[in-house]
Amino acid sequence: MERAIQGHLHPLPATTLAAALPRLPRPVAVGLGLAVVAGIAVLDYATGPRVLLSIFYLLPVMAVAWSTSSTASGVAVMLGSCAVGPAEFFIAGSRYDSLAVAVWNAAVRLAVFSIVLYLLRRQRQLVGDLRELAQRDELTGLANLRSFRESATRELERSRRFGHALSLAYVDIDDFKDTNDRRGHDAGDRALVSLASVALATVRSVDTVARLGGDEFVVLMPETGLADALPVARRLRESFARATGDNASGITCSIGLASYESAPDSVEEMVAGADALLYDAKHAGKDTVRHALLRAGAPHAAASARVLPFGGSPA
């Protein structure tokens, strides 16, 4: 008997159901969850009161709530599972002595399942918060390297598909190590936060501003050619200089701006092109913007002058 029951229950684990639910509209997912509840109810009735299957009603409830990211959807399936006992009493006779017992058991199930749904909701929120933290730079709140790679990869694919131009600005604070040494790390941190704030205030909402590490930032501008990207890069440089003190002791930044009319072959190639232009800006006296319209597969000539890992610009 026990093996037969396990054989019938094999298709019901939450992992199997949850794998299919995210691709479905919520009403369909709820309907599928209720169908699984009905299947468990039939099996529960067939096996009799000696074999307890109550815990298995929780599986579709959890699967629907988690996979649809909707507690309300989980509640709908939960109510369906709690109605099984009273419905069984009226429709087919019951293993319970009275309707009151059936209702009491349904109420207990409702209470337990409600607690589980609440804990599941909190866990989903915590997972979302952790996922967000994993995508953000702790100091500036900008996208980090991992998040930038994902965004840049998506934009490259869109650029190839639709033939859009795109531009990447590589931004580096001038003499940042010297700023830390002379003014302290608190001053350096304030400069980083200031650059992040200025960049966010300068670019569009569809652009991606990321901190790659240290004092190195990038601004990815999708569907933007050189003519439109260059004024943005210049405003960013000028605004940062004003924000940190537009005088001899102020902190400045240099920017390398690479624009592509067609998508480069990889994110690394795009970053290398902008990074090479930043290298030019540094050697031209800093506090300036160097820009170029690059072709895919043909990075800027200065790129061969040094190794170009993500986030490896000179001070």
Protein backbone atom coordinates (compact mmCIF):
# COMPACT_ATOMS: atom_id res chain seq x y z
CA MET A 1 0.00 0.00 0.00
CA GLU A 2 2.75 2.45 0.99
CA ARG A 3 4.70 1.84 -2.23
CA ALA A 4 1.55 2.31 -4.29
CA ILE A 5 0.87 5.63 -2.59
CA GLN A 6 4.45 6.80 -3.22
CA GLY A 7 4.10 5.84 -6.87
CA HIS A 8 0.95 7.93 -7.21
CA LEU A 9 2.55 10.90 -5.44
CA HIS A 10 5.75 10.94 -7.50
CA PRO A 11 4.54 13.59 -10.01
CA LEU A 12 3.47 15.96 -7.21
CA PRO A 13 6.70 17.38 -5.69
CA ALA A 14 6.76 21.17 -5.53
CA THR A 15 9.94 21.32 -7.57
CA THR A 16 8.27 19.64 -10.56
CA LEU A 17 5.18 21.84 -10.39
CA ALA A 18 7.19 25.00 -9.71
CA ALA A 19 9.30 24.44 -12.80
CA ALA A 20 6.24 24.78 -15.05
CA LEU A 21 4.35 27.53 -13.23
CA PRO A 22 6.57 30.60 -13.87
CA ARG A 23 5.88 30.30 -17.62
CA LEU A 24 2.11 30.32 -17.13
CA PRO A 25 -0.33 33.20 -16.51
CA ARG A 26 -1.31 33.41 -12.85
CA PRO A 27 -4.94 32.26 -13.35
CA VAL A 28 -3.65 29.19 -15.21
CA ALA A 29 -1.08 28.52 -12.49
CA VAL A 30 -3.77 28.77 -9.80
CA GLY A 31 -6.00 26.44 -11.80
CA LEU A 32 -3.18 23.94 -12.14
CA GLY A 33 -2.52 24.15 -8.40
CA LEU A 34 -6.20 23.51 -7.65
CA ALA A 35 -6.16 20.56 -10.04
CA VAL A 36 -3.24 19.07 -8.10
CA VAL A 37 -5.18 19.67 -4.86
CA ALA A 38 -8.14 17.80 -6.36
CA GLY A 39 -5.86 14.92 -7.35
CA ILE A 40 -4.46 14.69 -3.83
CA ALA A 41 -8.01 14.82 -2.44
CA VAL A 42 -9.06 11.84 -4.58
CA LEU A 43 -6.02 9.88 -3.50
CA ASP A 44 -6.57 10.94 0.11
CA TYR A 45 -10.16 9.67 0.01
CA ALA A 46 -9.17 6.42 -1.70
CA THR A 47 -6.48 5.55 0.85
CA GLY A 48 -8.75 6.08 3.83
CA PRO A 49 -8.16 7.71 7.22
CA ARG A 50 -5.23 5.54 8.25
CA VAL A 51 -2.87 7.04 5.63
CA LEU A 52 -2.46 10.75 6.28
CA LEU A 53 -1.78 12.85 3.19
CA SER A 54 -2.60 16.27 4.66
CA ILE A 55 0.97 17.54 4.34
CA PHE A 56 0.93 16.99 0.58
CA TYR A 57 -1.76 19.65 0.15
CA LEU A 58 0.93 22.14 1.12
CA LEU A 59 3.06 21.33 -1.94
CA PRO A 60 0.87 22.97 -4.61
CA VAL A 61 0.17 25.89 -2.26
CA MET A 62 3.90 26.59 -1.84
CA ALA A 63 4.70 25.92 -5.49
CA VAL A 64 2.09 28.36 -6.79
CA ALA A 65 2.90 31.08 -4.24
CA TRP A 66 6.66 30.90 -4.89
CA SER A 67 6.66 30.42 -8.64
CA THR A 68 4.13 33.16 -9.38
CA SER A 69 5.66 35.52 -6.76
CA SER A 70 2.10 36.05 -5.55
CA THR A 71 0.90 35.29 -2.03
CA ALA A 72 -2.68 35.86 -3.24
CA SER A 73 -2.31 33.01 -5.73
CA GLY A 74 -1.03 30.77 -2.96
CA VAL A 75 -3.98 31.79 -0.77
CA ALA A 76 -6.42 30.80 -3.55
CA VAL A 77 -4.91 27.30 -3.72
CA MET A 78 -4.77 27.13 0.08
CA LEU A 79 -8.51 27.88 0.36
CA GLY A 80 -9.18 25.13 -2.15
CA SER A 81 -7.20 22.66 -0.06
CA CYS A 82 -8.97 23.72 3.13
CA ALA A 83 -12.37 23.18 1.51
CA VAL A 84 -11.59 19.52 0.83
CA GLY A 85 -12.71 18.21 4.24
CA PRO A 86 -16.11 19.98 4.42
CA ALA A 87 -16.76 19.23 0.73
CA GLU A 88 -16.01 15.56 1.29
CA PHE A 89 -18.42 15.50 4.23
CA PHE A 90 -21.31 16.83 2.10
CA ILE A 91 -20.58 15.09 -1.21
CA ALA A 92 -19.37 11.61 -0.41
CA GLY A 93 -19.72 11.07 3.29
CA SER A 94 -16.75 11.62 5.53
CA ARG A 95 -14.26 9.91 7.73
CA TYR A 96 -15.17 12.56 10.31
CA ASP A 97 -17.87 12.03 12.92
CA SER A 98 -19.48 15.40 12.26
CA LEU A 99 -19.30 18.50 10.10
CA ALA A 100 -17.88 20.37 13.08
CA VAL A 101 -14.83 18.09 13.12
CA ALA A 102 -14.33 18.56 9.37
CA VAL A 103 -14.55 22.33 9.75
CA TRP A 104 -12.16 22.31 12.70
CA ASN A 105 -9.57 20.30 10.79
CA ALA A 106 -9.95 22.66 7.82
CA ALA A 107 -9.43 25.65 10.14
CA VAL A 108 -6.28 24.09 11.61
CA ARG A 109 -4.96 23.46 8.10
CA LEU A 110 -5.81 27.04 7.16
CA ALA A 111 -3.88 28.39 10.14
CA VAL A 112 -0.80 26.24 9.51
CA PHE A 113 -0.76 26.93 5.78
CA SER A 114 -1.19 30.68 6.43
CA ILE A 115 1.90 30.67 8.62
CA VAL A 116 3.84 28.81 5.93
CA LEU A 117 2.70 31.30 3.27
CA TYR A 118 3.77 34.20 5.47
CA LEU A 119 7.21 32.66 6.02
CA LEU A 120 7.46 31.91 2.29
CA ARG A 121 6.67 35.55 1.49
CA ARG A 122 9.35 36.76 3.90
CA GLN A 123 11.86 34.34 2.40
CA ARG A 124 11.03 35.56 -1.11
CA GLN A 125 11.58 39.15 0.03
CA LEU A 126 14.91 38.25 1.61
CA VAL A 127 16.03 36.43 -1.54
CA GLY A 128 15.07 39.48 -3.58
CA ASP A 129 17.00 41.77 -1.24
CA LEU A 130 20.06 39.53 -1.40
CA ARG A 131 19.84 39.37 -5.18
CA GLU A 132 19.65 43.16 -5.31
CA LEU A 133 22.64 43.50 -2.99
CA ALA A 134 24.62 41.10 -5.18
CA GLN A 135 23.99 43.42 -8.14
CA ARG A 136 24.87 46.70 -6.40
CA ASP A 137 28.07 48.42 -5.30
CA GLU A 138 27.98 48.81 -1.53
CA LEU A 139 29.43 52.33 -1.36
CA THR A 140 27.73 54.11 -4.27
CA GLY A 141 24.59 52.02 -4.80
CA LEU A 142 25.42 51.76 -8.51
CA ALA A 143 25.37 48.57 -10.52
CA ASN A 144 28.49 46.50 -9.87
CA LEU A 145 30.67 44.61 -12.34
CA ARG A 146 28.43 41.55 -12.41
CA SER A 147 25.32 43.62 -13.04
CA PHE A 148 27.10 45.66 -15.72
CA ARG A 149 28.16 42.51 -17.57
CA GLU A 150 24.57 41.30 -17.64
CA SER A 151 23.19 44.66 -18.82
CA ALA A 152 25.92 45.11 -21.42
CA THR A 153 25.39 41.60 -22.78
CA ARG A 154 21.66 42.28 -23.19
CA GLU A 155 22.31 45.60 -24.92
CA LEU A 156 24.83 44.05 -27.30
CA GLU A 157 22.25 41.44 -28.28
CA ARG A 158 19.63 44.16 -28.84
CA SER A 159 22.11 46.20 -30.87
CA ARG A 160 22.85 43.23 -33.13
CA ARG A 161 19.17 42.37 -33.54
CA PHE A 162 17.90 45.85 -34.35
CA GLY A 163 21.02 47.50 -35.75
CA HIS A 164 21.18 50.18 -33.05
CA ALA A 165 24.25 52.22 -32.23
CA LEU A 166 25.54 52.22 -28.67
CA SER A 167 28.20 54.07 -26.69
CA LEU A 168 30.25 53.34 -23.60
CA ALA A 169 31.98 55.96 -21.46
CA TYR A 170 34.81 54.76 -19.22
CA VAL A 171 35.26 57.24 -16.35
CA ASP A 172 38.23 57.39 -14.00
CA ILE A 173 38.94 59.88 -11.20
CA ASP A 174 42.25 61.65 -11.79
CA ASP A 175 45.02 61.05 -9.24
CA PHE A 176 42.66 59.15 -6.99
CA LYS A 177 45.46 57.43 -5.06
CA ASP A 178 47.00 60.82 -4.34
CA THR A 179 43.61 62.08 -3.10
CA ASN A 180 43.38 59.16 -0.68
CA ASP A 181 46.96 59.68 0.51
CA ARG A 182 46.69 63.46 1.02
CA ARG A 183 43.09 63.86 2.17
CA GLY A 184 42.28 60.47 3.63
CA HIS A 185 40.04 57.64 2.51
CA ASP A 186 36.92 59.45 3.68
CA ALA A 187 37.60 62.17 1.09
CA GLY A 188 38.16 59.48 -1.52
CA ASP A 189 34.86 57.81 -0.64
CA ARG A 190 33.06 61.16 -0.87
CA ALA A 191 34.54 61.68 -4.33
CA LEU A 192 33.30 58.25 -5.44
CA VAL A 193 29.81 58.92 -4.11
CA SER A 194 29.83 62.36 -5.74
CA LEU A 195 30.79 60.92 -9.12
CA ALA A 196 28.03 58.32 -8.81
CA SER A 197 25.45 61.01 -7.99
CA VAL A 198 26.60 63.28 -10.81
CA ALA A 199 26.54 60.42 -13.30
CA LEU A 200 23.01 59.37 -12.34
CA ALA A 201 21.83 62.98 -12.59
CA THR A 202 23.45 63.41 -16.02
CA VAL A 203 22.41 60.29 -17.92
CA ARG A 204 19.01 58.96 -18.97
CA SER A 205 17.00 56.41 -17.03
CA VAL A 206 17.66 53.80 -19.74
CA ASP A 207 21.44 54.18 -19.40
CA THR A 208 23.44 51.97 -17.07
CA VAL A 209 25.92 53.53 -14.65
CA ALA A 210 28.21 51.02 -12.95
CA ARG A 211 31.24 51.01 -10.72
CA LEU A 212 33.71 48.41 -11.91
CA GLY A 213 35.96 48.77 -8.89
CA GLY A 214 38.21 51.34 -7.27
CA ASP A 215 37.69 54.71 -8.95
CA GLU A 216 36.59 53.26 -12.29
CA PHE A 217 33.07 53.75 -13.59
CA VAL A 218 31.30 53.07 -16.87
CA VAL A 219 28.20 54.56 -18.45
CA LEU A 220 26.49 52.37 -21.05
CA MET A 221 24.26 54.35 -23.41
CA PRO A 222 22.10 52.11 -25.63
CA GLU A 223 20.76 53.37 -28.96
CA THR A 224 23.16 56.32 -28.73
CA GLY A 225 25.72 57.36 -31.34
CA LEU A 226 28.77 59.52 -30.87
CA ALA A 227 26.98 62.80 -31.65
CA ASP A 228 24.53 62.28 -28.78
CA ALA A 229 26.91 60.57 -26.36
CA LEU A 230 29.70 63.15 -26.50
CA PRO A 231 27.69 66.03 -24.93
CA VAL A 232 26.68 63.67 -22.11
CA ALA A 233 30.32 62.73 -21.42
CA ARG A 234 31.38 66.38 -21.43
CA ARG A 235 28.57 67.37 -19.06
CA LEU A 236 29.55 64.54 -16.74
CA ARG A 237 33.17 65.69 -16.60
CA GLU A 238 32.24 69.33 -16.04
CA SER A 239 29.56 68.55 -13.45
CA PHE A 240 31.90 66.35 -11.44
CA ALA A 241 34.60 69.06 -11.39
CA ARG A 242 32.04 71.58 -10.10
CA ALA A 243 30.69 69.17 -7.51
CA THR A 244 34.12 68.50 -6.01
CA GLY A 245 35.40 72.11 -6.13
CA ASP A 246 36.17 73.86 -9.42
CA ASN A 247 39.61 75.14 -8.46
CA ALA A 248 43.22 74.10 -8.37
CA SER A 249 42.63 71.70 -5.50
CA GLY A 250 39.45 70.21 -6.95
CA ILE A 251 39.09 66.58 -7.98
CA THR A 252 38.60 65.89 -11.67
CA CYS A 253 37.94 62.90 -13.89
CA SER A 254 38.96 61.71 -17.32
CA ILE A 255 36.65 59.92 -19.74
CA GLY A 256 37.17 57.62 -22.68
CA LEU A 257 34.08 57.45 -24.90
CA ALA A 258 33.75 54.64 -27.43
CA SER A 259 30.79 54.67 -29.82
CA TYR A 260 29.79 51.84 -32.13
CA GLU A 261 27.41 52.05 -35.08
CA SER A 262 27.19 48.25 -34.98
CA ALA A 263 27.64 46.04 -31.95
CA PRO A 264 31.17 44.89 -31.10
CA ASP A 265 31.83 41.18 -30.78
CA SER A 266 31.87 41.13 -26.98
CA VAL A 267 31.51 43.19 -23.83
CA GLU A 268 35.27 42.89 -23.31
CA GLU A 269 35.95 44.42 -26.72
CA MET A 270 33.60 47.32 -26.02
CA VAL A 271 35.22 48.00 -22.63
CA ALA A 272 38.71 47.71 -24.13
CA GLY A 273 37.87 50.35 -26.74
CA ALA A 274 36.61 52.83 -24.14
CA ASP A 275 39.45 52.00 -21.76
CA ALA A 276 42.05 52.67 -24.47
CA LEU A 277 40.51 56.10 -25.10
CA LEU A 278 40.63 56.76 -21.36
CA TYR A 279 44.33 55.90 -21.51
CA ASP A 280 44.69 58.59 -24.19
CA ALA A 281 42.82 61.09 -22.00
CA LYS A 282 45.16 60.43 -19.08
CA HIS A 283 48.24 61.00 -21.21
CA ALA A 284 46.73 64.14 -22.75
CA GLY A 285 46.80 65.88 -19.36
CA LYS A 286 43.72 64.42 -17.60
CA ASP A 287 40.44 66.23 -16.88
CA THR A 288 39.38 65.68 -20.46
CA VAL A 289 37.28 63.49 -22.76
CA ARG A 290 38.75 61.41 -25.57
CA HIS A 291 36.24 59.93 -27.99
CA ALA A 292 36.12 57.85 -31.14
CA LEU A 293 33.72 56.04 -33.41
CA LEU A 294 34.99 52.45 -33.42
CA ARG A 295 34.25 49.51 -35.67
CA ALA A 296 33.46 46.06 -34.31
CA GLY A 297 36.61 43.95 -34.26
CA ALA A 298 38.89 46.99 -34.54
CA PRO A 299 39.63 48.36 -31.04
CA HIS A 300 41.45 51.64 -30.57
CA ALA A 301 45.16 51.48 -31.31
CA ALA A 302 46.15 52.38 -27.76
CA ALA A 303 44.50 49.19 -26.50
CA SER A 304 47.60 47.22 -27.47
CA ALA A 305 49.76 49.34 -25.17
CA ARG A 306 48.78 47.47 -22.01
CA VAL A 307 46.79 44.62 -20.57
CA LEU A 308 43.08 45.45 -20.35
CA PRO A 309 41.20 43.51 -17.69
CA PHE A 310 37.85 44.91 -16.56
CA GLY A 311 38.73 47.84 -14.38
CA GLY A 312 42.42 48.41 -15.06
CA SER A 313 42.96 52.07 -15.87
CA PRO A 314 45.96 54.12 -14.89
CA ALA A 315 45.60 56.76 -12.21
